[in-house]
């Protein structure tokens, strides 16, 4: 059988307590944004209805992103990069936004990219 194999990135493990989470997110926020983008790119490329992105340490709980939420997550990441003046990350995000808007035209909202 010749099935297409999907390479899913390893789950990003998050601390399980609130105090640890706040410090972790502050320190690794950009890395976490990249994890979300990587996961969404895989989800889009493989027509997945959603994808697991994060898992909590010592827990079976995971955070998933549904395909209907791909675009809004990408737009939030774009806004974060603009606010942080991390312009070198923007071309990838814009490319993914365009791909999502073509693939899911009903989910497109009025937000504009540069």
N, C-alpha and C. Protein backbone atom coordinates (compact mmCIF):
# COMPACT_ATOMS: atom_id res chain seq x y z
N UNK A 1 0.85 -1.17 0.00
CA UNK A 1 0.00 0.00 0.00
C UNK A 1 0.90 1.23 0.00
N UNK A 2 0.53 2.23 -0.80
CA UNK A 2 1.35 3.42 -0.96
C UNK A 2 0.67 4.62 -0.30
N UNK A 3 0.71 4.67 1.02
CA UNK A 3 0.08 5.78 1.76
C UNK A 3 1.08 6.92 1.95
N UNK A 4 0.56 8.11 1.89
CA UNK A 4 1.37 9.30 2.13
C UNK A 4 1.70 9.36 3.62
N UNK A 5 2.98 9.44 3.95
CA UNK A 5 3.33 9.53 5.36
C UNK A 5 3.40 11.00 5.77
N UNK A 6 2.87 11.27 6.94
CA UNK A 6 2.83 12.64 7.46
C UNK A 6 3.87 12.76 8.56
N UNK A 7 4.74 13.75 8.43
CA UNK A 7 5.74 13.98 9.46
C UNK A 7 5.18 15.03 10.43
N UNK A 8 4.79 14.56 11.59
CA UNK A 8 4.25 15.44 12.62
C UNK A 8 5.40 15.87 13.53
N UNK A 9 5.52 17.16 13.78
CA UNK A 9 6.60 17.60 14.68
C UNK A 9 6.34 17.07 16.09
N UNK A 10 7.39 16.85 16.84
CA UNK A 10 7.17 16.39 18.22
C UNK A 10 6.39 17.45 18.99
N UNK A 11 5.58 16.99 19.93
CA UNK A 11 4.82 17.94 20.74
C UNK A 11 5.79 18.78 21.57
N UNK A 12 5.46 19.99 21.70
CA UNK A 12 6.23 20.95 22.49
C UNK A 12 5.72 20.80 23.91
N UNK A 13 6.57 20.45 24.83
CA UNK A 13 6.16 20.18 26.21
C UNK A 13 6.17 21.47 27.02
N UNK A 14 5.03 21.79 27.61
CA UNK A 14 4.89 22.98 28.45
C UNK A 14 4.89 22.60 29.92
N UNK A 15 5.40 23.48 30.79
CA UNK A 15 5.32 23.22 32.23
C UNK A 15 3.85 23.10 32.65
N UNK A 16 3.63 22.35 33.71
CA UNK A 16 2.24 22.09 34.11
C UNK A 16 1.70 23.05 35.17
N UNK A 17 2.55 23.82 35.82
CA UNK A 17 2.03 24.74 36.83
C UNK A 17 2.00 26.17 36.28
N UNK A 18 1.06 26.98 36.78
CA UNK A 18 0.90 28.35 36.27
C UNK A 18 2.17 29.19 36.40
N UNK A 19 2.82 29.13 37.54
CA UNK A 19 4.03 29.93 37.75
C UNK A 19 5.12 29.56 36.76
N UNK A 20 5.32 28.26 36.57
CA UNK A 20 6.32 27.81 35.60
C UNK A 20 5.93 28.20 34.18
N UNK A 21 4.63 28.13 33.87
CA UNK A 21 4.16 28.47 32.53
C UNK A 21 4.44 29.92 32.19
N UNK A 22 4.16 30.83 33.11
CA UNK A 22 4.38 32.25 32.85
C UNK A 22 5.84 32.55 32.54
N UNK A 23 6.73 32.00 33.33
CA UNK A 23 8.16 32.22 33.10
C UNK A 23 8.60 31.57 31.78
N UNK A 24 8.08 30.39 31.50
CA UNK A 24 8.43 29.68 30.29
C UNK A 24 7.99 30.44 29.04
N UNK A 25 6.74 30.89 29.05
CA UNK A 25 6.21 31.63 27.89
C UNK A 25 7.00 32.92 27.68
N UNK A 26 7.32 33.60 28.75
CA UNK A 26 8.09 34.85 28.62
C UNK A 26 9.44 34.58 27.96
N UNK A 27 10.07 33.49 28.36
CA UNK A 27 11.40 33.17 27.86
C UNK A 27 11.38 32.59 26.44
N UNK A 28 10.37 31.79 26.12
CA UNK A 28 10.36 31.04 24.86
C UNK A 28 9.21 31.38 23.92
N UNK A 29 8.63 32.54 24.04
CA UNK A 29 7.44 32.89 23.26
C UNK A 29 7.68 32.79 21.75
N UNK A 30 8.77 33.32 21.27
CA UNK A 30 9.04 33.27 19.83
C UNK A 30 9.19 31.83 19.35
N UNK A 31 9.85 31.02 20.14
CA UNK A 31 10.00 29.61 19.80
C UNK A 31 8.64 28.91 19.76
N UNK A 32 7.77 29.29 20.68
CA UNK A 32 6.42 28.71 20.71
C UNK A 32 5.63 29.13 19.48
N UNK A 33 5.81 30.37 19.04
CA UNK A 33 5.13 30.85 17.83
C UNK A 33 5.58 30.02 16.62
N UNK A 34 6.86 29.74 16.56
CA UNK A 34 7.40 28.93 15.47
C UNK A 34 6.82 27.51 15.51
N UNK A 35 6.62 26.97 16.69
CA UNK A 35 6.02 25.64 16.83
C UNK A 35 4.59 25.64 16.27
N UNK A 36 3.84 26.68 16.57
CA UNK A 36 2.47 26.79 16.06
C UNK A 36 2.50 26.89 14.53
N UNK A 37 3.37 27.73 13.99
CA UNK A 37 3.47 27.87 12.54
C UNK A 37 3.86 26.56 11.87
N UNK A 38 4.86 25.87 12.41
CA UNK A 38 5.27 24.58 11.86
C UNK A 38 4.11 23.60 11.84
N UNK A 39 3.39 23.55 12.94
CA UNK A 39 2.26 22.62 13.05
C UNK A 39 1.16 22.97 12.05
N UNK A 40 0.85 24.24 11.92
CA UNK A 40 -0.20 24.65 10.99
C UNK A 40 0.23 24.36 9.55
N UNK A 41 1.48 24.60 9.22
CA UNK A 41 1.96 24.28 7.87
C UNK A 41 1.78 22.80 7.57
N UNK A 42 2.08 21.95 8.53
CA UNK A 42 1.90 20.51 8.34
C UNK A 42 0.41 20.18 8.22
N UNK A 43 -0.40 20.80 9.06
CA UNK A 43 -1.84 20.57 8.99
C UNK A 43 -2.43 20.95 7.64
N UNK A 44 -1.99 22.09 7.11
CA UNK A 44 -2.49 22.56 5.81
C UNK A 44 -1.99 21.65 4.70
N UNK A 45 -0.71 21.34 4.72
CA UNK A 45 -0.13 20.50 3.66
C UNK A 45 -0.75 19.11 3.59
N UNK A 46 -1.24 18.64 4.72
CA UNK A 46 -1.79 17.29 4.77
C UNK A 46 -3.31 17.25 4.95
N UNK A 47 -3.94 18.41 4.76
CA UNK A 47 -5.40 18.51 4.88
C UNK A 47 -5.93 17.92 6.18
N UNK A 48 -5.25 18.21 7.28
CA UNK A 48 -5.68 17.70 8.58
C UNK A 48 -6.76 18.59 9.17
N UNK A 49 -7.75 18.01 9.83
CA UNK A 49 -8.82 18.81 10.43
C UNK A 49 -8.35 19.58 11.67
N UNK A 50 -7.18 19.26 12.15
CA UNK A 50 -6.58 19.91 13.31
C UNK A 50 -5.25 19.25 13.59
N UNK A 51 -4.49 19.87 14.46
CA UNK A 51 -3.17 19.32 14.77
C UNK A 51 -2.81 19.63 16.22
N UNK A 52 -2.17 18.66 16.86
CA UNK A 52 -1.69 18.86 18.24
C UNK A 52 -0.43 19.70 18.18
N UNK A 53 -0.35 20.68 19.09
CA UNK A 53 0.78 21.60 19.07
C UNK A 53 1.60 21.53 20.35
N UNK A 54 0.92 21.53 21.48
CA UNK A 54 1.60 21.52 22.77
C UNK A 54 1.06 20.41 23.66
N UNK A 55 1.89 19.97 24.57
CA UNK A 55 1.48 19.01 25.59
C UNK A 55 2.01 19.52 26.93
N UNK A 56 1.25 19.25 27.99
CA UNK A 56 1.69 19.65 29.32
C UNK A 56 2.55 18.56 29.94
N UNK A 57 3.60 18.97 30.62
CA UNK A 57 4.53 18.07 31.28
C UNK A 57 3.79 17.18 32.28
N UNK A 58 4.13 15.92 32.29
CA UNK A 58 3.53 14.94 33.20
C UNK A 58 2.02 14.88 33.09
N UNK A 59 1.52 15.00 31.87
CA UNK A 59 0.08 15.01 31.65
C UNK A 59 -0.24 14.47 30.26
N UNK A 60 -1.46 13.97 30.12
CA UNK A 60 -1.94 13.53 28.82
C UNK A 60 -2.65 14.66 28.07
N UNK A 61 -2.80 15.81 28.70
CA UNK A 61 -3.50 16.93 28.08
C UNK A 61 -2.64 17.55 26.98
N UNK A 62 -3.30 17.85 25.88
CA UNK A 62 -2.62 18.50 24.75
C UNK A 62 -3.43 19.71 24.30
N UNK A 63 -2.75 20.62 23.63
CA UNK A 63 -3.40 21.77 23.03
C UNK A 63 -3.40 21.53 21.53
N UNK A 64 -4.57 21.60 20.94
CA UNK A 64 -4.70 21.40 19.50
C UNK A 64 -5.20 22.67 18.84
N UNK A 65 -4.92 22.78 17.56
CA UNK A 65 -5.45 23.87 16.75
C UNK A 65 -6.28 23.23 15.66
N UNK A 66 -7.53 23.63 15.58
CA UNK A 66 -8.45 23.14 14.56
C UNK A 66 -8.20 23.88 13.25
N UNK A 67 -8.46 23.23 12.14
CA UNK A 67 -8.23 23.87 10.83
C UNK A 67 -9.02 25.17 10.69
N UNK A 68 -10.19 25.26 11.33
CA UNK A 68 -10.97 26.50 11.23
C UNK A 68 -10.29 27.64 11.99
N UNK A 69 -9.33 27.31 12.85
CA UNK A 69 -8.61 28.33 13.62
C UNK A 69 -7.19 28.58 13.11
N UNK A 70 -6.80 27.91 12.04
CA UNK A 70 -5.45 28.10 11.51
C UNK A 70 -5.19 29.57 11.17
N UNK A 71 -6.10 30.16 10.40
CA UNK A 71 -5.87 31.53 9.93
C UNK A 71 -5.80 32.53 11.08
N UNK A 72 -6.71 32.43 12.03
CA UNK A 72 -6.69 33.40 13.14
C UNK A 72 -5.41 33.25 13.97
N UNK A 73 -4.92 32.03 14.13
CA UNK A 73 -3.65 31.84 14.85
C UNK A 73 -2.49 32.45 14.08
N UNK A 74 -2.47 32.25 12.79
CA UNK A 74 -1.39 32.82 11.96
C UNK A 74 -1.45 34.34 11.99
N UNK A 75 -2.64 34.91 11.94
CA UNK A 75 -2.77 36.36 12.00
C UNK A 75 -2.31 36.91 13.35
N UNK A 76 -2.61 36.21 14.43
CA UNK A 76 -2.14 36.64 15.75
C UNK A 76 -0.61 36.57 15.84
N UNK A 77 -0.03 35.55 15.25
CA UNK A 77 1.43 35.43 15.24
C UNK A 77 2.03 36.57 14.43
N UNK A 78 1.42 36.90 13.30
CA UNK A 78 1.89 38.01 12.48
C UNK A 78 1.88 39.31 13.29
N UNK A 79 0.79 39.56 13.97
CA UNK A 79 0.68 40.77 14.79
C UNK A 79 1.75 40.79 15.88
N UNK A 80 2.02 39.65 16.49
CA UNK A 80 3.07 39.56 17.50
C UNK A 80 4.43 39.92 16.89
N UNK A 81 4.75 39.34 15.73
CA UNK A 81 6.03 39.63 15.09
C UNK A 81 6.15 41.11 14.73
N UNK A 82 5.07 41.70 14.27
CA UNK A 82 5.10 43.13 13.94
C UNK A 82 5.33 43.96 15.20
N UNK A 83 4.64 43.64 16.25
CA UNK A 83 4.78 44.38 17.52
C UNK A 83 6.21 44.26 18.05
N UNK A 84 6.79 43.08 17.92
CA UNK A 84 8.15 42.84 18.42
C UNK A 84 9.22 43.28 17.41
N UNK A 85 8.78 43.79 16.26
CA UNK A 85 9.67 44.21 15.20
C UNK A 85 10.58 43.07 14.74
N UNK A 86 10.02 41.87 14.71
CA UNK A 86 10.74 40.68 14.25
C UNK A 86 10.38 40.46 12.78
N UNK A 87 10.72 41.44 11.96
CA UNK A 87 10.30 41.47 10.56
C UNK A 87 10.86 40.31 9.73
N UNK A 88 11.96 39.75 10.16
CA UNK A 88 12.55 38.65 9.40
C UNK A 88 11.65 37.40 9.38
N UNK A 89 10.71 37.33 10.31
CA UNK A 89 9.78 36.19 10.37
C UNK A 89 8.52 36.43 9.53
N UNK A 90 8.28 37.65 9.13
CA UNK A 90 7.02 38.01 8.46
C UNK A 90 6.81 37.37 7.09
N UNK A 91 7.81 37.25 6.22
CA UNK A 91 7.54 36.67 4.90
C UNK A 91 6.93 35.27 4.97
N UNK A 92 7.44 34.46 5.87
CA UNK A 92 6.90 33.10 6.04
C UNK A 92 5.44 33.16 6.48
N UNK A 93 5.14 34.05 7.42
CA UNK A 93 3.79 34.17 7.95
C UNK A 93 2.84 34.67 6.85
N UNK A 94 3.27 35.65 6.09
CA UNK A 94 2.45 36.19 5.01
C UNK A 94 2.17 35.11 3.96
N UNK A 95 3.17 34.34 3.63
CA UNK A 95 3.00 33.24 2.66
C UNK A 95 1.96 32.24 3.17
N UNK A 96 2.03 31.90 4.44
CA UNK A 96 1.08 30.96 5.02
C UNK A 96 -0.32 31.57 5.09
N UNK A 97 -0.42 32.87 5.40
CA UNK A 97 -1.72 33.55 5.39
C UNK A 97 -2.37 33.45 4.02
N UNK A 98 -1.61 33.73 2.98
CA UNK A 98 -2.15 33.68 1.62
C UNK A 98 -2.61 32.27 1.27
N UNK A 99 -1.81 31.29 1.64
CA UNK A 99 -2.17 29.90 1.37
C UNK A 99 -3.47 29.54 2.09
N UNK A 100 -3.61 29.97 3.33
CA UNK A 100 -4.82 29.68 4.11
C UNK A 100 -6.03 30.40 3.53
N UNK A 101 -5.86 31.62 3.10
CA UNK A 101 -6.97 32.38 2.52
C UNK A 101 -7.44 31.76 1.21
N UNK A 102 -6.52 31.18 0.46
CA UNK A 102 -6.89 30.49 -0.77
C UNK A 102 -7.60 29.17 -0.46
N UNK A 103 -7.10 28.48 0.52
CA UNK A 103 -7.63 27.15 0.87
C UNK A 103 -8.95 27.25 1.63
N UNK A 104 -9.10 28.27 2.48
CA UNK A 104 -10.29 28.44 3.30
C UNK A 104 -10.88 29.84 3.10
N UNK A 105 -11.37 30.15 1.92
CA UNK A 105 -11.84 31.53 1.66
C UNK A 105 -12.98 31.98 2.59
N UNK A 106 -13.76 31.05 3.09
CA UNK A 106 -14.87 31.44 3.99
C UNK A 106 -14.39 31.92 5.35
N UNK A 107 -13.17 31.55 5.72
CA UNK A 107 -12.63 31.95 7.01
C UNK A 107 -11.87 33.27 6.95
N UNK A 108 -11.69 33.81 5.76
CA UNK A 108 -10.96 35.06 5.59
C UNK A 108 -11.74 36.20 6.21
N UNK A 109 -11.03 37.01 6.99
CA UNK A 109 -11.68 38.19 7.57
C UNK A 109 -11.09 39.45 6.96
N UNK A 110 -11.40 40.59 7.50
CA UNK A 110 -10.99 41.85 6.90
C UNK A 110 -9.56 42.26 7.25
N UNK A 111 -8.85 41.52 8.08
CA UNK A 111 -7.48 41.93 8.44
C UNK A 111 -6.60 41.92 7.19
N UNK A 112 -5.76 42.90 7.11
CA UNK A 112 -4.87 43.04 5.97
C UNK A 112 -3.43 42.80 6.40
N UNK A 113 -2.63 42.28 5.49
CA UNK A 113 -1.20 42.14 5.74
C UNK A 113 -0.48 43.16 4.88
N UNK A 114 0.79 43.41 5.21
CA UNK A 114 1.53 44.39 4.42
C UNK A 114 2.04 43.77 3.14
